[in-house]
């Protein structure tokens, strides 16, 4: 039984060079950054959904003469339904553009992570775990 344990513990001894450590650090930084970007994307998607809901609610309003308060910074300014609808559409377009840009950054990070995984697994095999933990 002791021989079995030693065999498991004495897995391949692989020297970790400075360059290898740099790749591991880069992998960790990019993984964290990608996680932050995904959280930011989710927050922006929620904001986009809120804008779409507000736009739908305004369309259902029957009184065309009613002024609708629209928040700009810390203040609310009343606008006509048409003006408010236009402002909501502009805000939705801006958010959609931001989401696309963030998704593009996530894609590029995923490519970098894929390359690093190939390099690190090639050198360290089963001695390194680069898979994200499920929470």
N, C-alpha and C. Protein backbone atom coordinates (compact mmCIF):
# COMPACT_ATOMS: atom_id res chain seq x y z
N UNK A 1 0.83 -1.19 0.00
CA UNK A 1 0.00 0.00 0.00
C UNK A 1 0.88 1.26 0.00
N UNK A 2 1.97 1.22 0.71
CA UNK A 2 2.87 2.37 0.76
C UNK A 2 3.48 2.62 -0.61
N UNK A 3 3.77 1.58 -1.35
CA UNK A 3 4.36 1.73 -2.69
C UNK A 3 3.38 2.42 -3.62
N UNK A 4 2.09 2.09 -3.48
CA UNK A 4 1.07 2.71 -4.32
C UNK A 4 0.99 4.21 -4.06
N UNK A 5 1.06 4.58 -2.81
CA UNK A 5 0.97 6.00 -2.46
C UNK A 5 2.18 6.76 -3.00
N UNK A 6 3.36 6.16 -2.87
CA UNK A 6 4.56 6.84 -3.36
C UNK A 6 4.50 7.04 -4.86
N UNK A 7 3.97 6.03 -5.55
CA UNK A 7 3.86 6.15 -7.01
C UNK A 7 2.94 7.31 -7.37
N UNK A 8 1.83 7.49 -6.65
CA UNK A 8 0.89 8.58 -6.91
C UNK A 8 1.49 9.93 -6.58
N UNK A 9 2.23 10.00 -5.49
CA UNK A 9 2.84 11.26 -5.07
C UNK A 9 3.98 11.63 -6.01
N UNK A 10 4.72 10.65 -6.46
CA UNK A 10 5.88 10.91 -7.30
C UNK A 10 5.47 11.01 -8.76
N UNK A 11 4.45 11.80 -9.01
CA UNK A 11 4.04 12.03 -10.39
C UNK A 11 5.19 12.74 -11.07
N UNK A 12 5.11 12.86 -12.35
CA UNK A 12 6.20 13.44 -13.12
C UNK A 12 6.72 14.72 -12.49
N UNK A 13 8.02 14.77 -12.26
CA UNK A 13 8.63 15.99 -11.76
C UNK A 13 8.92 16.88 -12.96
N UNK A 14 8.26 18.01 -12.99
CA UNK A 14 8.44 18.94 -14.09
C UNK A 14 8.92 20.25 -13.51
N UNK A 15 10.00 20.75 -14.01
CA UNK A 15 10.51 22.04 -13.55
C UNK A 15 9.65 23.16 -14.09
N UNK A 16 9.31 24.07 -13.22
CA UNK A 16 8.54 25.24 -13.62
C UNK A 16 9.52 26.37 -13.85
N UNK A 17 9.65 26.75 -15.09
CA UNK A 17 10.58 27.83 -15.43
C UNK A 17 9.90 29.18 -15.19
N UNK A 18 10.70 30.23 -15.26
CA UNK A 18 10.17 31.58 -15.10
C UNK A 18 9.11 31.86 -16.18
N UNK A 19 9.38 31.42 -17.41
CA UNK A 19 8.44 31.63 -18.51
C UNK A 19 7.13 30.89 -18.26
N UNK A 20 7.25 29.66 -17.70
CA UNK A 20 6.04 28.89 -17.38
C UNK A 20 5.22 29.63 -16.33
N UNK A 21 5.90 30.16 -15.31
CA UNK A 21 5.18 30.89 -14.25
C UNK A 21 4.52 32.13 -14.83
N UNK A 22 5.18 32.79 -15.76
CA UNK A 22 4.59 33.96 -16.41
C UNK A 22 3.32 33.58 -17.16
N UNK A 23 3.36 32.43 -17.85
CA UNK A 23 2.17 31.96 -18.58
C UNK A 23 1.04 31.62 -17.61
N UNK A 24 1.38 30.99 -16.50
CA UNK A 24 0.36 30.65 -15.50
C UNK A 24 -0.25 31.92 -14.93
N UNK A 25 0.58 32.91 -14.63
CA UNK A 25 0.08 34.19 -14.11
C UNK A 25 -0.80 34.90 -15.13
N UNK A 26 -0.38 34.87 -16.38
CA UNK A 26 -1.16 35.49 -17.45
C UNK A 26 -2.51 34.80 -17.59
N UNK A 27 -2.50 33.47 -17.47
CA UNK A 27 -3.75 32.70 -17.54
C UNK A 27 -4.68 33.13 -16.41
N UNK A 28 -4.16 33.25 -15.20
CA UNK A 28 -4.97 33.64 -14.04
C UNK A 28 -5.53 35.05 -14.21
N UNK A 29 -4.68 35.99 -14.64
CA UNK A 29 -5.14 37.37 -14.84
C UNK A 29 -6.25 37.43 -15.88
N UNK A 30 -6.05 36.72 -16.99
CA UNK A 30 -7.06 36.75 -18.05
C UNK A 30 -8.34 36.06 -17.64
N UNK A 31 -8.24 35.01 -16.85
CA UNK A 31 -9.44 34.34 -16.35
C UNK A 31 -10.24 35.28 -15.46
N UNK A 32 -9.54 35.99 -14.57
CA UNK A 32 -10.22 36.95 -13.69
C UNK A 32 -10.84 38.08 -14.50
N UNK A 33 -10.12 38.58 -15.46
CA UNK A 33 -10.64 39.69 -16.28
C UNK A 33 -11.87 39.24 -17.07
N UNK A 34 -11.82 38.03 -17.59
CA UNK A 34 -12.96 37.52 -18.35
C UNK A 34 -14.19 37.39 -17.44
N UNK A 35 -13.98 36.95 -16.22
CA UNK A 35 -15.08 36.83 -15.26
C UNK A 35 -15.68 38.21 -14.96
N UNK A 36 -14.83 39.20 -14.78
CA UNK A 36 -15.30 40.57 -14.55
C UNK A 36 -16.09 41.10 -15.74
N UNK A 37 -15.59 40.84 -16.95
CA UNK A 37 -16.28 41.29 -18.15
C UNK A 37 -17.64 40.62 -18.29
N UNK A 38 -17.71 39.33 -17.99
CA UNK A 38 -19.00 38.62 -18.07
C UNK A 38 -20.00 39.19 -17.08
N UNK A 39 -19.53 39.54 -15.87
CA UNK A 39 -20.41 40.16 -14.88
C UNK A 39 -20.91 41.52 -15.38
N UNK A 40 -20.01 42.27 -16.01
CA UNK A 40 -20.37 43.58 -16.55
C UNK A 40 -21.39 43.42 -17.69
N UNK A 41 -21.20 42.42 -18.52
CA UNK A 41 -22.14 42.15 -19.61
C UNK A 41 -23.52 41.84 -19.05
N UNK A 42 -23.57 41.01 -18.03
CA UNK A 42 -24.86 40.65 -17.41
C UNK A 42 -25.55 41.89 -16.84
N UNK A 43 -24.79 42.76 -16.19
CA UNK A 43 -25.37 43.99 -15.63
C UNK A 43 -25.92 44.88 -16.75
N UNK A 44 -25.19 44.98 -17.85
CA UNK A 44 -25.65 45.81 -18.96
C UNK A 44 -26.88 45.20 -19.64
N UNK A 45 -26.93 43.87 -19.70
CA UNK A 45 -28.11 43.21 -20.27
C UNK A 45 -29.34 43.46 -19.41
N UNK A 46 -29.16 43.50 -18.08
CA UNK A 46 -30.28 43.81 -17.18
C UNK A 46 -30.74 45.25 -17.40
N UNK A 47 -29.79 46.16 -17.55
CA UNK A 47 -30.14 47.56 -17.82
C UNK A 47 -30.87 47.69 -19.15
N UNK A 48 -30.41 46.94 -20.15
CA UNK A 48 -31.06 46.96 -21.46
C UNK A 48 -32.49 46.45 -21.35
N UNK A 49 -32.69 45.39 -20.58
CA UNK A 49 -34.04 44.85 -20.39
C UNK A 49 -34.93 45.87 -19.69
N UNK A 50 -34.37 46.59 -18.72
CA UNK A 50 -35.14 47.64 -18.03
C UNK A 50 -35.55 48.74 -19.00
N UNK A 51 -34.64 49.12 -19.90
CA UNK A 51 -34.97 50.14 -20.89
C UNK A 51 -36.07 49.65 -21.85
N UNK A 52 -35.99 48.38 -22.23
CA UNK A 52 -37.01 47.82 -23.12
C UNK A 52 -38.36 47.77 -22.43
N UNK A 53 -38.36 47.41 -21.14
CA UNK A 53 -39.61 47.39 -20.38
C UNK A 53 -40.20 48.79 -20.27
N UNK A 54 -39.35 49.79 -20.02
CA UNK A 54 -39.82 51.16 -19.92
C UNK A 54 -40.40 51.63 -21.25
N UNK A 55 -39.73 51.26 -22.34
CA UNK A 55 -40.20 51.63 -23.67
C UNK A 55 -41.57 51.00 -23.95
N UNK A 56 -41.73 49.73 -23.58
CA UNK A 56 -43.02 49.06 -23.77
C UNK A 56 -44.11 49.72 -22.94
N UNK A 57 -43.78 50.10 -21.71
CA UNK A 57 -44.77 50.75 -20.85
C UNK A 57 -45.21 52.10 -21.42
N UNK A 58 -44.27 52.83 -21.99
CA UNK A 58 -44.60 54.14 -22.56
C UNK A 58 -45.52 53.96 -23.77
N UNK A 59 -45.26 52.93 -24.57
CA UNK A 59 -46.11 52.69 -25.75
C UNK A 59 -47.54 52.37 -25.35
N UNK A 60 -47.72 51.77 -24.21
CA UNK A 60 -49.05 51.38 -23.76
C UNK A 60 -49.82 52.53 -23.12
N UNK A 61 -49.12 53.62 -22.88
CA UNK A 61 -49.74 54.79 -22.25
C UNK A 61 -50.75 55.40 -23.24
N UNK A 62 -51.95 55.69 -22.78
CA UNK A 62 -53.00 56.18 -23.66
C UNK A 62 -53.02 57.70 -23.79
N UNK A 63 -52.51 58.40 -22.81
CA UNK A 63 -52.56 59.87 -22.82
C UNK A 63 -51.31 60.41 -23.51
N UNK A 64 -51.45 60.85 -24.78
CA UNK A 64 -50.31 61.34 -25.55
C UNK A 64 -49.76 62.66 -25.02
N UNK A 65 -50.58 63.43 -24.31
CA UNK A 65 -50.16 64.74 -23.82
C UNK A 65 -49.39 64.63 -22.50
N UNK A 66 -49.39 63.47 -21.90
CA UNK A 66 -48.76 63.29 -20.60
C UNK A 66 -47.24 63.42 -20.74
N UNK A 67 -46.63 64.17 -19.81
CA UNK A 67 -45.19 64.30 -19.78
C UNK A 67 -44.60 63.15 -18.96
N UNK A 68 -43.52 62.61 -19.44
CA UNK A 68 -42.91 61.46 -18.79
C UNK A 68 -41.55 61.87 -18.24
N UNK A 69 -41.31 61.63 -16.95
CA UNK A 69 -39.99 61.98 -16.38
C UNK A 69 -38.93 61.01 -16.88
N UNK A 70 -37.78 61.57 -17.28
CA UNK A 70 -36.65 60.76 -17.75
C UNK A 70 -35.44 61.19 -16.95
N UNK A 71 -34.75 60.21 -16.36
CA UNK A 71 -33.60 60.52 -15.51
C UNK A 71 -32.37 60.80 -16.35
N UNK A 72 -31.78 61.95 -16.09
CA UNK A 72 -30.51 62.32 -16.70
C UNK A 72 -29.59 62.68 -15.55
N UNK A 73 -28.63 61.82 -15.30
CA UNK A 73 -27.75 62.03 -14.15
C UNK A 73 -28.53 61.83 -12.87
N UNK A 74 -28.58 62.86 -12.03
CA UNK A 74 -29.29 62.77 -10.76
C UNK A 74 -30.65 63.44 -10.78
N UNK A 75 -31.04 63.99 -11.92
CA UNK A 75 -32.32 64.70 -11.99
C UNK A 75 -33.26 64.05 -12.99
N UNK A 76 -34.53 64.31 -12.80
CA UNK A 76 -35.55 63.84 -13.74
C UNK A 76 -36.06 65.03 -14.52
N UNK A 77 -36.15 64.88 -15.83
CA UNK A 77 -36.65 65.93 -16.69
C UNK A 77 -37.85 65.36 -17.43
N UNK A 78 -38.94 66.12 -17.44
CA UNK A 78 -40.15 65.65 -18.10
C UNK A 78 -40.09 65.94 -19.59
N UNK A 79 -40.43 64.93 -20.38
CA UNK A 79 -40.45 65.03 -21.84
C UNK A 79 -41.76 64.45 -22.34
N UNK A 80 -42.04 64.75 -23.60
CA UNK A 80 -43.21 64.14 -24.22
C UNK A 80 -42.93 62.66 -24.42
N UNK A 81 -43.97 61.91 -24.72
CA UNK A 81 -43.80 60.48 -24.94
C UNK A 81 -42.83 60.21 -26.09
N UNK A 82 -42.98 60.98 -27.16
CA UNK A 82 -42.13 60.78 -28.33
C UNK A 82 -40.66 61.05 -28.02
N UNK A 83 -40.40 62.17 -27.32
CA UNK A 83 -39.03 62.50 -26.95
C UNK A 83 -38.44 61.44 -26.02
N UNK A 84 -39.24 61.00 -25.06
CA UNK A 84 -38.77 59.98 -24.12
C UNK A 84 -38.47 58.68 -24.86
N UNK A 85 -39.35 58.32 -25.80
CA UNK A 85 -39.14 57.10 -26.58
C UNK A 85 -37.84 57.19 -27.37
N UNK A 86 -37.57 58.35 -27.97
CA UNK A 86 -36.34 58.55 -28.72
C UNK A 86 -35.11 58.43 -27.81
N UNK A 87 -35.20 59.01 -26.62
CA UNK A 87 -34.09 58.94 -25.67
C UNK A 87 -33.86 57.49 -25.22
N UNK A 88 -34.94 56.75 -25.01
CA UNK A 88 -34.81 55.35 -24.62
C UNK A 88 -34.17 54.53 -25.74
N UNK A 89 -34.56 54.80 -26.98
CA UNK A 89 -33.98 54.08 -28.12
C UNK A 89 -32.49 54.37 -28.23
N UNK A 90 -32.11 55.63 -28.04
CA UNK A 90 -30.68 55.99 -28.10
C UNK A 90 -29.91 55.29 -26.98
N UNK A 91 -30.49 55.26 -25.79
CA UNK A 91 -29.83 54.60 -24.66
C UNK A 91 -29.71 53.10 -24.92
N UNK A 92 -30.74 52.49 -25.52
CA UNK A 92 -30.69 51.06 -25.83
C UNK A 92 -29.60 50.77 -26.86
N UNK A 93 -29.51 51.59 -27.89
CA UNK A 93 -28.48 51.39 -28.91
C UNK A 93 -27.08 51.51 -28.31
N UNK A 94 -26.90 52.49 -27.42
CA UNK A 94 -25.59 52.67 -26.78
C UNK A 94 -25.24 51.45 -25.94
N UNK A 95 -26.21 50.94 -25.19
CA UNK A 95 -25.96 49.75 -24.38
C UNK A 95 -25.66 48.53 -25.23
N UNK A 96 -26.38 48.37 -26.34
CA UNK A 96 -26.13 47.24 -27.23
C UNK A 96 -24.72 47.31 -27.80
N UNK A 97 -24.27 48.51 -28.15
CA UNK A 97 -22.91 48.68 -28.66
C UNK A 97 -21.87 48.32 -27.59
N UNK A 98 -22.14 48.75 -26.35
CA UNK A 98 -21.22 48.44 -25.25
C UNK A 98 -21.16 46.94 -25.02
N UNK A 99 -22.31 46.28 -25.07
CA UNK A 99 -22.37 44.83 -24.86
C UNK A 99 -21.58 44.11 -25.95
N UNK A 100 -21.74 44.54 -27.20
CA UNK A 100 -20.99 43.93 -28.31
C UNK A 100 -19.49 44.10 -28.12
N UNK A 101 -19.08 45.29 -27.70
CA UNK A 101 -17.65 45.54 -27.48
C UNK A 101 -17.11 44.65 -26.36
N UNK A 102 -17.87 44.52 -25.28
CA UNK A 102 -17.44 43.67 -24.17
C UNK A 102 -17.38 42.20 -24.59
N UNK A 103 -18.35 41.77 -25.38
CA UNK A 103 -18.35 40.39 -25.86
C UNK A 103 -17.16 40.13 -26.77
N UNK A 104 -16.77 41.13 -27.54
CA UNK A 104 -15.57 41.01 -28.38
C UNK A 104 -14.32 40.86 -27.53
N UNK A 105 -14.25 41.61 -26.44
CA UNK A 105 -13.10 41.49 -25.54
C UNK A 105 -13.06 40.11 -24.89
N UNK A 106 -14.24 39.59 -24.52
CA UNK A 106 -14.30 38.25 -23.93
C UNK A 106 -13.81 37.22 -24.94
N UNK A 107 -14.21 37.37 -26.20
CA UNK A 107 -13.76 36.45 -27.25
C UNK A 107 -12.25 36.44 -27.39
N UNK A 108 -11.66 37.62 -27.41
CA UNK A 108 -10.21 37.69 -27.57
C UNK A 108 -9.50 37.09 -26.36
N UNK A 109 -10.05 37.29 -25.17
CA UNK A 109 -9.46 36.69 -23.98
C UNK A 109 -9.59 35.18 -24.03
N UNK A 110 -10.72 34.68 -24.53
CA UNK A 110 -10.90 33.23 -24.64
C UNK A 110 -9.88 32.62 -25.60
N UNK A 111 -9.55 33.34 -26.67
CA UNK A 111 -8.53 32.85 -27.59
C UNK A 111 -7.17 32.76 -26.91
N UNK A 112 -6.82 33.79 -26.14
CA UNK A 112 -5.55 33.80 -25.42
C UNK A 112 -5.53 32.65 -24.41
N UNK A 113 -6.63 32.45 -23.69
CA UNK A 113 -6.70 31.37 -22.71
C UNK A 113 -6.57 30.01 -23.38
N UNK A 114 -7.18 29.86 -24.54
CA UNK A 114 -7.07 28.60 -25.28
C UNK A 114 -5.64 28.30 -25.66
N UNK A 115 -4.92 29.31 -26.15
CA UNK A 115 -3.51 29.12 -26.51
C UNK A 115 -2.67 28.76 -25.28
N UNK A 116 -2.92 29.47 -24.18
CA UNK A 116 -2.16 29.19 -22.96
C UNK A 116 -2.45 27.79 -22.43
N UNK A 117 -3.72 27.37 -22.51
CA UNK A 117 -4.08 26.02 -22.05
C UNK A 117 -3.30 24.97 -22.83
N UNK A 118 -3.24 25.13 -24.15
CA UNK A 118 -2.52 24.18 -24.99
C UNK A 118 -1.06 24.11 -24.56
N UNK A 119 -0.43 25.26 -24.40
CA UNK A 119 0.98 25.30 -24.03
C UNK A 119 1.24 24.70 -22.65
N UNK A 120 0.38 25.07 -21.68
CA UNK A 120 0.60 24.60 -20.31
C UNK A 120 0.27 23.13 -20.14
N UNK A 121 -0.80 22.66 -20.77
CA UNK A 121 -1.13 21.24 -20.68
C UNK A 121 -0.09 20.39 -21.41
N UNK A 122 0.48 20.94 -22.48
CA UNK A 122 1.52 20.21 -23.21
C UNK A 122 2.74 19.97 -22.31
N UNK A 123 3.05 20.96 -21.49
CA UNK A 123 4.24 20.81 -20.64
C UNK A 123 3.92 20.07 -19.34
N UNK A 124 2.79 20.40 -18.70
CA UNK A 124 2.52 19.88 -17.37
C UNK A 124 1.52 18.73 -17.34
N UNK A 125 0.81 18.50 -18.41
CA UNK A 125 -0.15 17.39 -18.47
C UNK A 125 -1.17 17.45 -17.35
N UNK A 126 -1.31 16.35 -16.62
CA UNK A 126 -2.29 16.26 -15.53
C UNK A 126 -1.83 16.94 -14.25
N UNK A 127 -0.61 17.46 -14.24
CA UNK A 127 -0.09 18.12 -13.04
C UNK A 127 -0.61 19.53 -12.86
N UNK A 128 -1.38 20.01 -13.80
CA UNK A 128 -1.91 21.37 -13.70
C UNK A 128 -3.39 21.31 -14.03
N UNK A 129 -4.17 22.11 -13.30
CA UNK A 129 -5.62 22.17 -13.55
C UNK A 129 -5.98 23.58 -13.96
N UNK A 130 -6.40 23.76 -15.18
CA UNK A 130 -6.73 25.08 -15.70
C UNK A 130 -8.23 25.24 -15.95
N UNK A 131 -9.01 24.29 -15.49
CA UNK A 131 -10.45 24.37 -15.71
C UNK A 131 -11.09 25.23 -14.64
N UNK A 132 -12.10 25.99 -15.01
CA UNK A 132 -12.81 26.86 -14.08
C UNK A 132 -13.58 26.01 -13.09
N UNK A 133 -13.59 26.49 -11.84
CA UNK A 133 -14.35 25.78 -10.82
C UNK A 133 -15.80 26.15 -10.93
N UNK A 134 -16.66 25.16 -10.81
CA UNK A 134 -18.10 25.40 -10.86
C UNK A 134 -18.56 25.81 -9.47
N UNK A 135 -19.28 26.92 -9.39
CA UNK A 135 -19.77 27.34 -8.08
C UNK A 135 -21.26 27.33 -8.00
